[in-house]
Amino acid sequence: MAQATFSVRMDESLKRQFDALCADFGMNASTAINVFARAVVRERKIPFEISSSKEERALNAVEELREQARKSGASEMTLDEINEEIRLAREERKKK
């Protein structure tokens, strides 16, 4: 099988840490990258979750709101009913 060169730029400190960890696993960085590439091709996806902590917090907040809505019965409300509740709450806040 023909070989190809793959060049990657990364932070020097990260590279040192990666090399050391790969050595602990009994391989070099090139072998580790090949293992990763084979897993991506085999599974047709990145073999681990990639997420932003900001995105994760937002999704958790939405899920909490959904749970609160289920508990309070608000999940059964129509959009018009929800908007009316918001309007009434704003009017009440203005009065204070």
N, C-alpha and C. Protein backbone atom coordinates (compact mmCIF):
# COMPACT_ATOMS: atom_id res chain seq x y z
N MET A 1 0.85 -1.18 0.00
CA MET A 1 0.00 0.00 0.00
C MET A 1 0.89 1.24 0.00
N ALA A 2 0.58 2.18 -0.86
CA ALA A 2 1.36 3.41 -0.94
C ALA A 2 1.17 4.23 0.32
N GLN A 3 2.21 4.93 0.71
CA GLN A 3 2.17 5.76 1.90
C GLN A 3 2.06 7.24 1.50
N ALA A 4 1.41 8.02 2.35
CA ALA A 4 1.28 9.47 2.13
C ALA A 4 1.72 10.16 3.42
N THR A 5 2.23 11.36 3.26
CA THR A 5 2.65 12.15 4.42
C THR A 5 1.52 13.07 4.83
N PHE A 6 1.33 13.19 6.13
CA PHE A 6 0.27 14.02 6.70
C PHE A 6 0.95 14.93 7.73
N SER A 7 0.90 16.23 7.50
CA SER A 7 1.56 17.19 8.39
C SER A 7 0.52 17.96 9.18
N VAL A 8 0.74 18.06 10.49
CA VAL A 8 -0.21 18.75 11.37
C VAL A 8 0.55 19.75 12.23
N ARG A 9 0.02 20.94 12.37
CA ARG A 9 0.60 21.93 13.27
C ARG A 9 -0.18 21.90 14.58
N MET A 10 0.56 21.94 15.69
CA MET A 10 -0.10 22.01 16.99
C MET A 10 0.82 22.69 17.99
N ASP A 11 0.26 23.10 19.08
CA ASP A 11 1.00 23.72 20.15
C ASP A 11 2.13 22.80 20.61
N GLU A 12 3.31 23.38 20.83
CA GLU A 12 4.48 22.58 21.19
C GLU A 12 4.28 21.80 22.49
N SER A 13 3.65 22.42 23.45
CA SER A 13 3.40 21.74 24.73
C SER A 13 2.44 20.57 24.54
N LEU A 14 1.39 20.78 23.75
CA LEU A 14 0.44 19.70 23.46
C LEU A 14 1.15 18.55 22.77
N LYS A 15 2.05 18.86 21.83
CA LYS A 15 2.79 17.83 21.09
C LYS A 15 3.64 17.00 22.05
N ARG A 16 4.32 17.67 22.99
CA ARG A 16 5.15 16.93 23.96
C ARG A 16 4.28 16.00 24.81
N GLN A 17 3.14 16.52 25.27
CA GLN A 17 2.24 15.71 26.09
C GLN A 17 1.69 14.53 25.29
N PHE A 18 1.31 14.79 24.04
CA PHE A 18 0.78 13.74 23.18
C PHE A 18 1.83 12.66 22.93
N ASP A 19 3.05 13.08 22.61
CA ASP A 19 4.14 12.12 22.37
C ASP A 19 4.38 11.25 23.62
N ALA A 20 4.37 11.88 24.78
CA ALA A 20 4.62 11.14 26.02
C ALA A 20 3.50 10.13 26.28
N LEU A 21 2.27 10.54 26.07
CA LEU A 21 1.14 9.63 26.28
C LEU A 21 1.17 8.48 25.27
N CYS A 22 1.48 8.80 24.02
CA CYS A 22 1.59 7.74 23.00
C CYS A 22 2.67 6.74 23.40
N ALA A 23 3.79 7.24 23.91
CA ALA A 23 4.87 6.35 24.35
C ALA A 23 4.39 5.44 25.48
N ASP A 24 3.58 6.01 26.40
CA ASP A 24 3.00 5.18 27.47
C ASP A 24 2.14 4.05 26.90
N PHE A 25 1.50 4.33 25.75
CA PHE A 25 0.66 3.32 25.10
C PHE A 25 1.47 2.37 24.24
N GLY A 26 2.77 2.62 24.13
CA GLY A 26 3.64 1.76 23.33
C GLY A 26 3.59 2.06 21.84
N MET A 27 3.30 3.30 21.50
CA MET A 27 3.25 3.69 20.08
C MET A 27 3.80 5.09 19.94
N ASN A 28 4.02 5.48 18.69
CA ASN A 28 4.42 6.86 18.45
C ASN A 28 3.21 7.67 17.97
N ALA A 29 3.40 8.97 17.79
CA ALA A 29 2.30 9.85 17.39
C ALA A 29 1.73 9.45 16.04
N SER A 30 2.59 9.04 15.12
CA SER A 30 2.13 8.64 13.79
C SER A 30 1.17 7.45 13.87
N THR A 31 1.51 6.47 14.69
CA THR A 31 0.64 5.31 14.87
C THR A 31 -0.69 5.73 15.50
N ALA A 32 -0.63 6.62 16.49
CA ALA A 32 -1.86 7.08 17.15
C ALA A 32 -2.77 7.80 16.16
N ILE A 33 -2.20 8.64 15.30
CA ILE A 33 -2.99 9.36 14.30
C ILE A 33 -3.60 8.35 13.32
N ASN A 34 -2.84 7.32 12.96
CA ASN A 34 -3.38 6.29 12.07
C ASN A 34 -4.53 5.53 12.73
N VAL A 35 -4.41 5.23 14.02
CA VAL A 35 -5.49 4.57 14.75
C VAL A 35 -6.74 5.44 14.72
N PHE A 36 -6.55 6.74 14.97
CA PHE A 36 -7.66 7.68 14.94
C PHE A 36 -8.31 7.72 13.55
N ALA A 37 -7.49 7.84 12.50
CA ALA A 37 -8.01 7.92 11.13
C ALA A 37 -8.78 6.65 10.75
N ARG A 38 -8.26 5.50 11.15
CA ARG A 38 -8.97 4.24 10.85
C ARG A 38 -10.32 4.19 11.57
N ALA A 39 -10.37 4.65 12.81
CA ALA A 39 -11.63 4.67 13.56
C ALA A 39 -12.64 5.61 12.90
N VAL A 40 -12.19 6.77 12.45
CA VAL A 40 -13.08 7.73 11.78
C VAL A 40 -13.65 7.12 10.51
N VAL A 41 -12.79 6.49 9.71
CA VAL A 41 -13.25 5.88 8.46
C VAL A 41 -14.18 4.71 8.74
N ARG A 42 -13.82 3.87 9.70
CA ARG A 42 -14.63 2.70 10.02
C ARG A 42 -16.02 3.09 10.54
N GLU A 43 -16.06 4.06 11.46
CA GLU A 43 -17.32 4.45 12.09
C GLU A 43 -18.05 5.55 11.33
N ARG A 44 -17.35 6.17 10.38
CA ARG A 44 -17.90 7.26 9.58
C ARG A 44 -18.36 8.42 10.46
N LYS A 45 -17.61 8.64 11.53
CA LYS A 45 -17.85 9.76 12.45
C LYS A 45 -16.62 9.93 13.33
N ILE A 46 -16.54 11.07 13.99
CA ILE A 46 -15.49 11.26 14.98
C ILE A 46 -15.83 10.33 16.15
N PRO A 47 -14.89 9.50 16.58
CA PRO A 47 -15.23 8.47 17.58
C PRO A 47 -15.33 8.96 19.03
N PHE A 48 -15.60 10.23 19.20
CA PHE A 48 -15.86 10.78 20.53
C PHE A 48 -16.68 12.04 20.35
N GLU A 49 -17.33 12.45 21.43
CA GLU A 49 -18.19 13.62 21.37
C GLU A 49 -17.35 14.89 21.41
N ILE A 50 -17.69 15.83 20.54
CA ILE A 50 -17.04 17.13 20.53
C ILE A 50 -18.13 18.14 20.85
N SER A 51 -17.93 18.90 21.92
CA SER A 51 -18.94 19.89 22.26
C SER A 51 -18.29 21.08 22.94
N SER A 52 -18.97 22.15 22.90
CA SER A 52 -18.54 23.37 23.57
C SER A 52 -19.21 23.42 24.92
N SER A 53 -18.50 23.80 25.94
CA SER A 53 -19.13 23.87 27.25
C SER A 53 -20.27 24.88 27.24
N LYS A 54 -20.14 25.93 26.43
CA LYS A 54 -21.22 26.92 26.32
C LYS A 54 -22.45 26.27 25.70
N GLU A 55 -22.23 25.49 24.65
CA GLU A 55 -23.33 24.79 23.99
C GLU A 55 -23.97 23.78 24.95
N GLU A 56 -23.13 23.08 25.67
CA GLU A 56 -23.63 22.08 26.62
C GLU A 56 -24.48 22.74 27.71
N ARG A 57 -24.02 23.88 28.22
CA ARG A 57 -24.79 24.60 29.24
C ARG A 57 -26.13 25.05 28.68
N ALA A 58 -26.14 25.51 27.43
CA ALA A 58 -27.39 25.96 26.82
C ALA A 58 -28.36 24.79 26.66
N LEU A 59 -27.85 23.65 26.21
CA LEU A 59 -28.71 22.48 26.06
C LEU A 59 -29.24 22.00 27.40
N ASN A 60 -28.40 22.05 28.43
CA ASN A 60 -28.86 21.67 29.77
C ASN A 60 -29.93 22.62 30.27
N ALA A 61 -29.77 23.92 29.99
CA ALA A 61 -30.76 24.91 30.40
C ALA A 61 -32.09 24.66 29.71
N VAL A 62 -32.05 24.36 28.42
CA VAL A 62 -33.28 24.07 27.67
C VAL A 62 -33.95 22.84 28.25
N GLU A 63 -33.18 21.81 28.56
CA GLU A 63 -33.75 20.59 29.11
C GLU A 63 -34.37 20.85 30.49
N GLU A 64 -33.72 21.68 31.30
CA GLU A 64 -34.29 22.03 32.60
C GLU A 64 -35.61 22.77 32.44
N LEU A 65 -35.64 23.69 31.46
CA LEU A 65 -36.88 24.43 31.21
C LEU A 65 -38.00 23.50 30.74
N ARG A 66 -37.64 22.53 29.91
CA ARG A 66 -38.63 21.56 29.45
C ARG A 66 -39.19 20.76 30.63
N GLU A 67 -38.30 20.36 31.52
CA GLU A 67 -38.74 19.59 32.70
C GLU A 67 -39.65 20.44 33.58
N GLN A 68 -39.28 21.69 33.79
CA GLN A 68 -40.12 22.59 34.58
C GLN A 68 -41.48 22.77 33.92
N ALA A 69 -41.50 22.89 32.61
CA ALA A 69 -42.76 23.05 31.88
C ALA A 69 -43.63 21.81 32.03
N ARG A 70 -43.00 20.63 31.97
CA ARG A 70 -43.77 19.38 32.16
C ARG A 70 -44.38 19.33 33.55
N LYS A 71 -43.58 19.68 34.55
CA LYS A 71 -44.05 19.63 35.94
C LYS A 71 -45.17 20.63 36.21
N SER A 72 -45.09 21.79 35.58
CA SER A 72 -46.09 22.83 35.85
C SER A 72 -47.31 22.74 34.93
N GLY A 73 -47.23 21.86 33.94
CA GLY A 73 -48.33 21.75 32.99
C GLY A 73 -48.22 22.73 31.83
N ALA A 74 -47.18 23.55 31.83
CA ALA A 74 -47.01 24.54 30.77
C ALA A 74 -46.68 23.90 29.43
N SER A 75 -46.22 22.67 29.45
CA SER A 75 -45.86 22.02 28.18
C SER A 75 -47.10 21.75 27.33
N GLU A 76 -48.28 21.83 27.95
CA GLU A 76 -49.53 21.61 27.23
C GLU A 76 -50.10 22.91 26.65
N MET A 77 -49.43 24.03 26.95
CA MET A 77 -49.92 25.33 26.50
C MET A 77 -49.59 25.56 25.03
N THR A 78 -50.45 26.31 24.36
CA THR A 78 -50.17 26.71 22.98
C THR A 78 -49.23 27.90 23.00
N LEU A 79 -48.66 28.20 21.86
CA LEU A 79 -47.77 29.36 21.76
C LEU A 79 -48.52 30.65 22.10
N ASP A 80 -49.77 30.76 21.66
CA ASP A 80 -50.56 31.95 21.98
C ASP A 80 -50.77 32.07 23.50
N GLU A 81 -51.02 30.95 24.15
CA GLU A 81 -51.21 30.98 25.61
C GLU A 81 -49.92 31.38 26.33
N ILE A 82 -48.81 30.88 25.85
CA ILE A 82 -47.51 31.22 26.44
C ILE A 82 -47.23 32.72 26.26
N ASN A 83 -47.47 33.22 25.05
CA ASN A 83 -47.26 34.64 24.79
C ASN A 83 -48.16 35.51 25.66
N GLU A 84 -49.38 35.08 25.89
CA GLU A 84 -50.30 35.82 26.76
C GLU A 84 -49.78 35.84 28.20
N GLU A 85 -49.26 34.71 28.67
CA GLU A 85 -48.67 34.65 30.01
C GLU A 85 -47.50 35.63 30.12
N ILE A 86 -46.67 35.67 29.10
CA ILE A 86 -45.54 36.59 29.10
C ILE A 86 -46.02 38.03 29.13
N ARG A 87 -47.02 38.35 28.32
CA ARG A 87 -47.57 39.70 28.28
C ARG A 87 -48.10 40.10 29.65
N LEU A 88 -48.86 39.22 30.27
CA LEU A 88 -49.42 39.50 31.59
C LEU A 88 -48.31 39.70 32.64
N ALA A 89 -47.27 38.88 32.60
CA ALA A 89 -46.16 39.00 33.54
C ALA A 89 -45.44 40.33 33.36
N ARG A 90 -45.27 40.76 32.11
CA ARG A 90 -44.63 42.05 31.85
C ARG A 90 -45.48 43.20 32.36
N GLU A 91 -46.78 43.11 32.17
CA GLU A 91 -47.67 44.17 32.66
C GLU A 91 -47.61 44.22 34.19
N GLU A 92 -47.58 43.09 34.82
CA GLU A 92 -47.54 43.01 36.27
C GLU A 92 -46.22 43.61 36.78
N ARG A 93 -45.15 43.34 36.09
CA ARG A 93 -43.83 43.86 36.48
C ARG A 93 -43.80 45.39 36.34
N LYS A 94 -44.45 45.94 35.31
CA LYS A 94 -44.49 47.39 35.09
C LYS A 94 -45.23 48.08 36.24
N LYS A 95 -46.24 47.43 36.80
CA LYS A 95 -47.03 48.01 37.87
C LYS A 95 -46.23 48.17 39.15
N LYS A 96 -45.19 47.40 39.34
CA LYS A 96 -44.41 47.41 40.59
C LYS A 96 -43.39 48.50 40.61
